[in-house]
Amino acid sequence: FVGDVPFSLSRLGKRSLFLVGPSGTGKTTTVHLMVRAAGKRLIKINAQQTISLGVSFVVALMEFFEPDVLLIEDMQEVLMNHDAYGTLLLWLEQLNGRITIIGTIMDERESFGPGDLALPGMRPGRFDRMALIKLPDEAQRTRILELYLKGSVPVGMSQETEGLSPAYLKALAESTRENGVDSWREDLAMLRLMSPDRKRAVRHQRSTIQPDIYAVVPSHP
């Protein structure tokens, strides 16, 4: 991160937080750093699994392991299914106030307008905290590339990697180190073919709740 971890469990308390952003931007990494920094216990589960396993099973899981934080990954998988999302909200209500709930939502848009990140069921005092983990800007891309290249960044690389997430920048840097500095444009072209379609987006309801916006920049490999 640039500076400290942007969230702390002590500040969040037993409220809910949703992290939204493109794939590879560090949403799950953010949660693990938060939990590690606080010395807390974490359980991670996929949103679709919560639906298939059933409310009672997941609640029993929480009671057995007594985690401090529940991480629900890939909530976008159930957002477009009204019944599934209703079920998810139902059991989140049962846990709300008893445990810190953090959900990740993959959304490949590069920018968002006011209220675009609202979710059904969000309201002040319940699920009311949301943050966008955005793609890195040019200066941040330079820092990430320097980190994984373990040296200077080739001319043009920071500019031409616009739209790549930290995960893809890491892959590009490691490939360049392995194949030679002259290979980076060819490696970048291959990564472009693999990177997500930024036109895909999860459709959300509008709301007056505004997200915080952060970029994740690793400080060490």
C-alpha atoms as a PDB file:
ATOM      1  CA  PHE A   1       0.000   0.000   0.000  1.00  0.00           C
ATOM      2  CA  VAL A   2       0.916   3.624  -0.296  1.00  0.00           C
ATOM      3  CA  GLY A   3       1.305   4.322   3.402  1.00  0.00           C
ATOM      4  CA  ASP A   4      -0.543   2.213   5.923  1.00  0.00           C
ATOM      5  CA  VAL A   5      -3.319  -0.304   5.330  1.00  0.00           C
ATOM      6  CA  PRO A   6      -6.262   2.000   4.503  1.00  0.00           C
ATOM      7  CA  PHE A   7      -8.691   0.208   6.796  1.00  0.00           C
ATOM      8  CA  SER A   8      -8.304  -1.121  10.294  1.00  0.00           C
ATOM      9  CA  LEU A   9     -10.524  -3.647  12.009  1.00  0.00           C
ATOM     10  CA  SER A  10     -10.582  -1.509  15.129  1.00  0.00           C
ATOM     11  CA  ARG A  11     -12.082   1.375  13.144  1.00  0.00           C
ATOM     12  CA  LEU A  12     -14.456  -0.873  11.225  1.00  0.00           C
ATOM     13  CA  GLY A  13     -15.716  -2.711  14.297  1.00  0.00           C
ATOM     14  CA  LYS A  14     -18.478  -5.263  13.740  1.00  0.00           C
ATOM     15  CA  ARG A  15     -19.808  -3.474  10.701  1.00  0.00           C
ATOM     16  CA  SER A  16     -19.689  -4.556   7.073  1.00  0.00           C
ATOM     17  CA  LEU A  17     -17.366  -3.447   4.318  1.00  0.00           C
ATOM     18  CA  PHE A  18     -17.597  -4.125   0.598  1.00  0.00           C
ATOM     19  CA  LEU A  19     -14.461  -3.896  -1.561  1.00  0.00           C
ATOM     20  CA  VAL A  20     -15.211  -3.351  -5.246  1.00  0.00           C
ATOM     21  CA  GLY A  21     -12.853  -3.237  -8.178  1.00  0.00           C
ATOM     22  CA  PRO A  22     -11.304  -4.952 -11.191  1.00  0.00           C
ATOM     23  CA  SER A  23      -9.660  -8.343 -10.825  1.00  0.00           C
ATOM     24  CA  GLY A  24      -6.092  -8.299  -9.580  1.00  0.00           C
ATOM     25  CA  THR A  25      -6.296  -4.941  -7.791  1.00  0.00           C
ATOM     26  CA  GLY A  26      -5.667  -6.341  -4.304  1.00  0.00           C
ATOM     27  CA  LYS A  27      -9.114  -6.665  -2.709  1.00  0.00           C
ATOM     28  CA  THR A  28      -8.416  -9.993  -1.018  1.00  0.00           C
ATOM     29  CA  THR A  29      -4.853  -8.914  -0.186  1.00  0.00           C
ATOM     30  CA  THR A  30      -6.289  -5.866   1.567  1.00  0.00           C
ATOM     31  CA  VAL A  31      -8.438  -8.060   3.803  1.00  0.00           C
ATOM     32  CA  HIS A  32      -5.590 -10.414   4.692  1.00  0.00           C
ATOM     33  CA  LEU A  33      -3.371  -7.467   5.632  1.00  0.00           C
ATOM     34  CA  MET A  34      -6.128  -5.989   7.786  1.00  0.00           C
ATOM     35  CA  VAL A  35      -6.642  -9.262   9.629  1.00  0.00           C
ATOM     36  CA  ARG A  36      -2.904  -9.922  10.041  1.00  0.00           C
ATOM     37  CA  ALA A  37      -2.276  -6.405  11.349  1.00  0.00           C
ATOM     38  CA  ALA A  38      -5.022  -6.819  13.936  1.00  0.00           C
ATOM     39  CA  GLY A  39      -4.031 -10.365  14.933  1.00  0.00           C
ATOM     40  CA  LYS A  40      -7.556 -11.615  14.271  1.00  0.00           C
ATOM     41  CA  ARG A  41      -9.082 -14.863  12.971  1.00  0.00           C
ATOM     42  CA  LEU A  42     -10.464 -15.039   9.432  1.00  0.00           C
ATOM     43  CA  ILE A  43     -12.783 -17.387   7.582  1.00  0.00           C
ATOM     44  CA  LYS A  44     -12.993 -17.042   3.799  1.00  0.00           C
ATOM     45  CA  ILE A  45     -15.909 -18.356   1.763  1.00  0.00           C
ATOM     46  CA  ASN A  46     -17.188 -17.897  -1.783  1.00  0.00           C
ATOM     47  CA  ALA A  47     -20.546 -16.120  -2.126  1.00  0.00           C
ATOM     48  CA  GLN A  48     -22.007 -18.876  -4.285  1.00  0.00           C
ATOM     49  CA  GLN A  49     -21.002 -21.436  -1.653  1.00  0.00           C
ATOM     50  CA  THR A  50     -23.007 -19.559   0.960  1.00  0.00           C
ATOM     51  CA  ILE A  51     -26.108 -20.076  -1.168  1.00  0.00           C
ATOM     52  CA  SER A  52     -25.480 -23.742  -1.962  1.00  0.00           C
ATOM     53  CA  LEU A  53     -24.474 -24.689   1.592  1.00  0.00           C
ATOM     54  CA  GLY A  54     -27.425 -22.934   3.159  1.00  0.00           C
ATOM     55  CA  VAL A  55     -27.833 -20.342   5.870  1.00  0.00           C
ATOM     56  CA  SER A  56     -27.892 -22.777   8.785  1.00  0.00           C
ATOM     57  CA  PHE A  57     -24.626 -24.449   7.752  1.00  0.00           C
ATOM     58  CA  VAL A  58     -22.759 -21.156   7.376  1.00  0.00           C
ATOM     59  CA  VAL A  59     -24.065 -19.839  10.700  1.00  0.00           C
ATOM     60  CA  ALA A  60     -23.021 -23.120  12.363  1.00  0.00           C
ATOM     61  CA  LEU A  61     -19.586 -22.731  10.770  1.00  0.00           C
ATOM     62  CA  MET A  62     -19.272 -19.273  12.293  1.00  0.00           C
ATOM     63  CA  GLU A  63     -20.334 -20.519  15.714  1.00  0.00           C
ATOM     64  CA  PHE A  64     -17.877 -23.430  15.612  1.00  0.00           C
ATOM     65  CA  PHE A  65     -14.772 -21.514  14.505  1.00  0.00           C
ATOM     66  CA  GLU A  66     -15.700 -18.182  16.121  1.00  0.00           C
ATOM     67  CA  PRO A  67     -13.793 -16.024  13.604  1.00  0.00           C
ATOM     68  CA  ASP A  68     -13.432 -12.303  14.037  1.00  0.00           C
ATOM     69  CA  VAL A  69     -13.830 -11.637  10.319  1.00  0.00           C
ATOM     70  CA  LEU A  70     -15.878 -13.307   7.605  1.00  0.00           C
ATOM     71  CA  LEU A  71     -14.587 -12.707   4.070  1.00  0.00           C
ATOM     72  CA  ILE A  72     -17.135 -13.389   1.317  1.00  0.00           C
ATOM     73  CA  GLU A  73     -15.416 -13.468  -2.055  1.00  0.00           C
ATOM     74  CA  ASP A  74     -16.917 -12.958  -5.527  1.00  0.00           C
ATOM     75  CA  MET A  75     -20.221 -11.490  -4.436  1.00  0.00           C
ATOM     76  CA  GLN A  76     -20.792 -10.433  -8.043  1.00  0.00           C
ATOM     77  CA  GLU A  77     -21.747 -14.066  -8.717  1.00  0.00           C
ATOM     78  CA  VAL A  78     -25.006 -13.665  -6.810  1.00  0.00           C
ATOM     79  CA  LEU A  79     -25.769  -9.969  -7.367  1.00  0.00           C
ATOM     80  CA  MET A  80     -27.696 -10.606 -10.561  1.00  0.00           C
ATOM     81  CA  ASN A  81     -29.773 -13.409  -9.013  1.00  0.00           C
ATOM     82  CA  HIS A  82     -32.536 -11.794  -6.958  1.00  0.00           C
ATOM     83  CA  ASP A  83     -33.396 -14.915  -4.953  1.00  0.00           C
ATOM     84  CA  ALA A  84     -29.756 -15.790  -4.262  1.00  0.00           C
ATOM     85  CA  TYR A  85     -28.882 -12.267  -3.189  1.00  0.00           C
ATOM     86  CA  GLY A  86     -31.967 -12.164  -0.974  1.00  0.00           C
ATOM     87  CA  THR A  87     -30.805 -15.348   0.734  1.00  0.00           C
ATOM     88  CA  LEU A  88     -27.320 -13.903   1.177  1.00  0.00           C
ATOM     89  CA  LEU A  89     -28.713 -10.736   2.756  1.00  0.00           C
ATOM     90  CA  LEU A  90     -30.902 -12.831   5.045  1.00  0.00           C
ATOM     91  CA  TRP A  91     -28.034 -14.667   6.691  1.00  0.00           C
ATOM     92  CA  LEU A  92     -25.806 -11.591   6.666  1.00  0.00           C
ATOM     93  CA  GLU A  93     -28.527  -9.972   8.769  1.00  0.00           C
ATOM     94  CA  GLN A  94     -28.175 -12.809  11.276  1.00  0.00           C
ATOM     95  CA  LEU A  95     -24.434 -12.163  11.574  1.00  0.00           C
ATOM     96  CA  ASN A  96     -24.556  -8.381  11.396  1.00  0.00           C
ATOM     97  CA  GLY A  97     -23.319  -6.835  14.618  1.00  0.00           C
ATOM     98  CA  ARG A  98     -21.776 -10.141  15.768  1.00  0.00           C
ATOM     99  CA  ILE A  99     -18.840 -10.309  13.381  1.00  0.00           C
ATOM    100  CA  THR A 100     -16.991  -8.117  10.883  1.00  0.00           C
ATOM    101  CA  ILE A 101     -18.229  -8.986   7.394  1.00  0.00           C
ATOM    102  CA  ILE A 102     -16.144  -8.061   4.350  1.00  0.00           C
ATOM    103  CA  GLY A 103     -17.288  -8.831   0.831  1.00  0.00           C
ATOM    104  CA  THR A 104     -15.344  -8.554  -2.414  1.00  0.00           C
ATOM    105  CA  ILE A 105     -17.038  -7.706  -5.697  1.00  0.00           C
ATOM    106  CA  MET A 106     -15.204  -7.932  -9.000  1.00  0.00           C
ATOM    107  CA  ASP A 107     -16.280  -5.171 -11.349  1.00  0.00           C
ATOM    108  CA  GLU A 108     -14.200  -4.515 -14.441  1.00  0.00           C
ATOM    109  CA  ARG A 109     -15.203  -0.890 -15.006  1.00  0.00           C
ATOM    110  CA  GLU A 110     -12.276   1.522 -14.822  1.00  0.00           C
ATOM    111  CA  SER A 111     -14.378   4.393 -13.447  1.00  0.00           C
ATOM    112  CA  PHE A 112     -17.615   4.870 -11.532  1.00  0.00           C
ATOM    113  CA  GLY A 113     -20.121   7.668 -11.242  1.00  0.00           C
ATOM    114  CA  PRO A 114     -21.786   8.873  -8.008  1.00  0.00           C
ATOM    115  CA  GLY A 115     -23.868   6.088  -6.514  1.00  0.00           C
ATOM    116  CA  ASP A 116     -22.805   3.500  -9.103  1.00  0.00           C
ATOM    117  CA  LEU A 117     -21.415   1.202  -6.403  1.00  0.00           C
ATOM    118  CA  ALA A 118     -24.580   0.886  -4.375  1.00  0.00           C
ATOM    119  CA  LEU A 119     -25.894  -2.583  -3.612  1.00  0.00           C
ATOM    120  CA  PRO A 120     -29.431  -3.704  -2.848  1.00  0.00           C
ATOM    121  CA  GLY A 121     -29.846  -3.866   0.909  1.00  0.00           C
ATOM    122  CA  MET A 122     -27.236  -1.235   1.717  1.00  0.00           C
ATOM    123  CA  ARG A 123     -28.334   1.449   4.094  1.00  0.00           C
ATOM    124  CA  PRO A 124     -26.704   3.530   6.855  1.00  0.00           C
ATOM    125  CA  GLY A 125     -26.186   1.495  10.016  1.00  0.00           C
ATOM    126  CA  ARG A 126     -26.249  -1.848   8.252  1.00  0.00           C
ATOM    127  CA  PHE A 127     -24.107  -2.585   5.186  1.00  0.00           C
ATOM    128  CA  ASP A 128     -22.986   0.982   4.747  1.00  0.00           C
ATOM    129  CA  ARG A 129     -19.238   0.982   4.056  1.00  0.00           C
ATOM    130  CA  MET A 130     -17.869   0.520   0.564  1.00  0.00           C
ATOM    131  CA  ALA A 131     -14.496   1.119  -1.041  1.00  0.00           C
ATOM    132  CA  LEU A 132     -13.353   1.050  -4.623  1.00  0.00           C
ATOM    133  CA  ILE A 133      -9.940  -0.519  -5.134  1.00  0.00           C
ATOM    134  CA  LYS A 134      -9.013   1.166  -8.395  1.00  0.00           C
ATOM    135  CA  LEU A 135      -6.458   0.409 -11.066  1.00  0.00           C
ATOM    136  CA  PRO A 136      -3.060   2.069 -10.446  1.00  0.00           C
ATOM    137  CA  ASP A 137      -2.176   5.341 -12.142  1.00  0.00           C
ATOM    138  CA  GLU A 138       1.118   5.876 -13.989  1.00  0.00           C
ATOM    139  CA  ALA A 139       3.146   6.762 -10.896  1.00  0.00           C
ATOM    140  CA  GLN A 140       1.777   3.765  -9.018  1.00  0.00           C
ATOM    141  CA  ARG A 141       2.433   1.472 -11.982  1.00  0.00           C
ATOM    142  CA  THR A 142       6.041   2.673 -11.984  1.00  0.00           C
ATOM    143  CA  ARG A 143       6.422   1.784  -8.308  1.00  0.00           C
ATOM    144  CA  ILE A 144       4.951  -1.676  -8.844  1.00  0.00           C
ATOM    145  CA  LEU A 145       7.123  -2.374 -11.877  1.00  0.00           C
ATOM    146  CA  GLU A 146      10.268  -1.180 -10.082  1.00  0.00           C
ATOM    147  CA  LEU A 147       9.458  -3.491  -7.215  1.00  0.00           C
ATOM    148  CA  TYR A 148       9.101  -6.639  -9.322  1.00  0.00           C
ATOM    149  CA  LEU A 149      11.738  -5.757 -11.919  1.00  0.00           C
ATOM    150  CA  LYS A 150      14.120  -5.148  -9.007  1.00  0.00           C
ATOM    151  CA  GLY A 151      15.481  -2.158 -10.855  1.00  0.00           C
ATOM    152  CA  SER A 152      14.677   0.615 -13.303  1.00  0.00           C
ATOM    153  CA  VAL A 153      11.628   0.498 -15.562  1.00  0.00           C
ATOM    154  CA  PRO A 154      12.231   0.380 -19.347  1.00  0.00           C
ATOM    155  CA  VAL A 155      11.287   3.551 -21.216  1.00  0.00           C
ATOM    156  CA  GLY A 156       7.614   3.578 -22.093  1.00  0.00           C
ATOM    157  CA  MET A 157       6.584   0.619 -19.930  1.00  0.00           C
ATOM    158  CA  SER A 158       4.745   2.646 -17.276  1.00  0.00           C
ATOM    159  CA  GLN A 159       2.829   4.596 -19.905  1.00  0.00           C
ATOM    160  CA  GLU A 160       1.910   1.629 -22.093  1.00  0.00           C
ATOM    161  CA  THR A 161       0.646  -0.510 -19.212  1.00  0.00           C
ATOM    162  CA  GLU A 162      -2.348   1.736 -18.508  1.00  0.00           C
ATOM    163  CA  GLY A 163      -5.358  -0.343 -17.482  1.00  0.00           C
ATOM    164  CA  LEU A 164      -3.334  -3.242 -16.053  1.00  0.00           C
ATOM    165  CA  SER A 165      -3.929  -4.316 -12.475  1.00  0.00           C
ATOM    166  CA  PRO A 166      -1.090  -4.886  -9.982  1.00  0.00           C
ATOM    167  CA  ALA A 167      -1.374  -8.645 -10.524  1.00  0.00           C
ATOM    168  CA  TYR A 168      -0.824  -8.269 -14.266  1.00  0.00           C
ATOM    169  CA  LEU A 169       1.983  -5.747 -13.738  1.00  0.00           C
ATOM    170  CA  LYS A 170       3.717  -8.271 -11.501  1.00  0.00           C
ATOM    171  CA  ALA A 171       3.349 -10.962 -14.167  1.00  0.00           C
ATOM    172  CA  LEU A 172       4.742  -8.606 -16.826  1.00  0.00           C
ATOM    173  CA  ALA A 173       7.728  -7.614 -14.696  1.00  0.00           C
ATOM    174  CA  GLU A 174       8.585 -11.217 -13.821  1.00  0.00           C
ATOM    175  CA  SER A 175       8.265 -12.254 -17.480  1.00  0.00           C
ATOM    176  CA  THR A 176      10.511  -9.376 -18.535  1.00  0.00           C
ATOM    177  CA  ARG A 177      13.131 -10.350 -15.975  1.00  0.00           C
ATOM    178  CA  GLU A 178      13.062 -13.918 -17.266  1.00  0.00           C
ATOM    179  CA  ASN A 179      12.958 -13.190 -21.029  1.00  0.00           C
ATOM    180  CA  GLY A 180      15.051 -10.019 -21.157  1.00  0.00           C
ATOM    181  CA  VAL A 181      14.297  -6.324 -21.110  1.00  0.00           C
ATOM    182  CA  ASP A 182      13.668  -6.191 -24.880  1.00  0.00           C
ATOM    183  CA  SER A 183      10.773  -8.652 -24.568  1.00  0.00           C
ATOM    184  CA  TRP A 184       8.414  -6.520 -22.522  1.00  0.00           C
ATOM    185  CA  ARG A 185       6.261  -5.190 -25.370  1.00  0.00           C
ATOM    186  CA  GLU A 186       5.706  -8.716 -26.704  1.00  0.00           C
ATOM    187  CA  ASP A 187       4.915  -9.918 -23.182  1.00  0.00           C
ATOM    188  CA  LEU A 188       2.540  -6.975 -22.732  1.00  0.00           C
ATOM    189  CA  ALA A 189       0.666  -7.865 -25.923  1.00  0.00           C
ATOM    190  CA  MET A 190       0.126 -11.389 -24.596  1.00  0.00           C
ATOM    191  CA  LEU A 191      -1.108 -10.041 -21.250  1.00  0.00           C
ATOM    192  CA  ARG A 192      -3.535  -7.731 -23.049  1.00  0.00           C
ATOM    193  CA  LEU A 193      -5.123 -10.774 -24.648  1.00  0.00           C
ATOM    194  CA  MET A 194      -5.507 -12.383 -21.216  1.00  0.00           C
ATOM    195  CA  SER A 195      -6.698  -9.332 -19.290  1.00  0.00           C
ATOM    196  CA  PRO A 196     -10.412  -8.929 -18.479  1.00  0.00           C
ATOM    197  CA  ASP A 197     -12.839  -7.078 -20.714  1.00  0.00           C
ATOM    198  CA  ARG A 198     -13.148  -3.678 -19.053  1.00  0.00           C
ATOM    199  CA  LYS A 199     -16.558  -3.196 -20.659  1.00  0.00           C
ATOM    200  CA  ARG A 200     -18.053  -5.877 -18.440  1.00  0.00           C
ATOM    201  CA  ALA A 201     -19.687  -4.425 -15.357  1.00  0.00           C
ATOM    202  CA  VAL A 202     -21.909  -5.529 -12.518  1.00  0.00           C
ATOM    203  CA  ARG A 203     -25.092  -3.488 -12.513  1.00  0.00           C
ATOM    204  CA  HIS A 204     -25.844  -1.939  -9.140  1.00  0.00           C
ATOM    205  CA  GLN A 205     -28.671   0.120  -7.773  1.00  0.00           C
ATOM    206  CA  ARG A 206     -27.999   3.790  -7.083  1.00  0.00           C
ATOM    207  CA  SER A 207     -27.614   5.127  -3.584  1.00  0.00           C
ATOM    208  CA  THR A 208     -26.455   8.168  -1.649  1.00  0.00           C
ATOM    209  CA  ILE A 209     -23.725   6.074   0.035  1.00  0.00           C
ATOM    210  CA  GLN A 210     -20.408   7.094  -1.527  1.00  0.00           C
ATOM    211  CA  PRO A 211     -17.354   4.836  -1.709  1.00  0.00           C
ATOM    212  CA  ASP A 212     -13.860   5.570  -0.505  1.00  0.00           C
ATOM    213  CA  ILE A 213     -11.302   5.143  -3.295  1.00  0.00           C
ATOM    214  CA  TYR A 214      -7.878   3.544  -2.888  1.00  0.00           C
ATOM    215  CA  ALA A 215      -5.170   1.916  -4.988  1.00  0.00           C
ATOM    216  CA  VAL A 216      -3.140  -1.018  -3.669  1.00  0.00           C
ATOM    217  CA  VAL A 217       0.614  -0.721  -4.255  1.00  0.00           C
ATOM    218  CA  PRO A 218       2.777  -3.474  -2.708  1.00  0.00           C
ATOM    219  CA  SER A 219       5.772  -2.359  -0.659  1.00  0.00           C
ATOM    220  CA  HIS A 220       7.676  -5.637  -1.045  1.00  0.00           C
ATOM    221  CA  PRO A 221       7.434  -8.705  -3.326  1.00  0.00           C
END
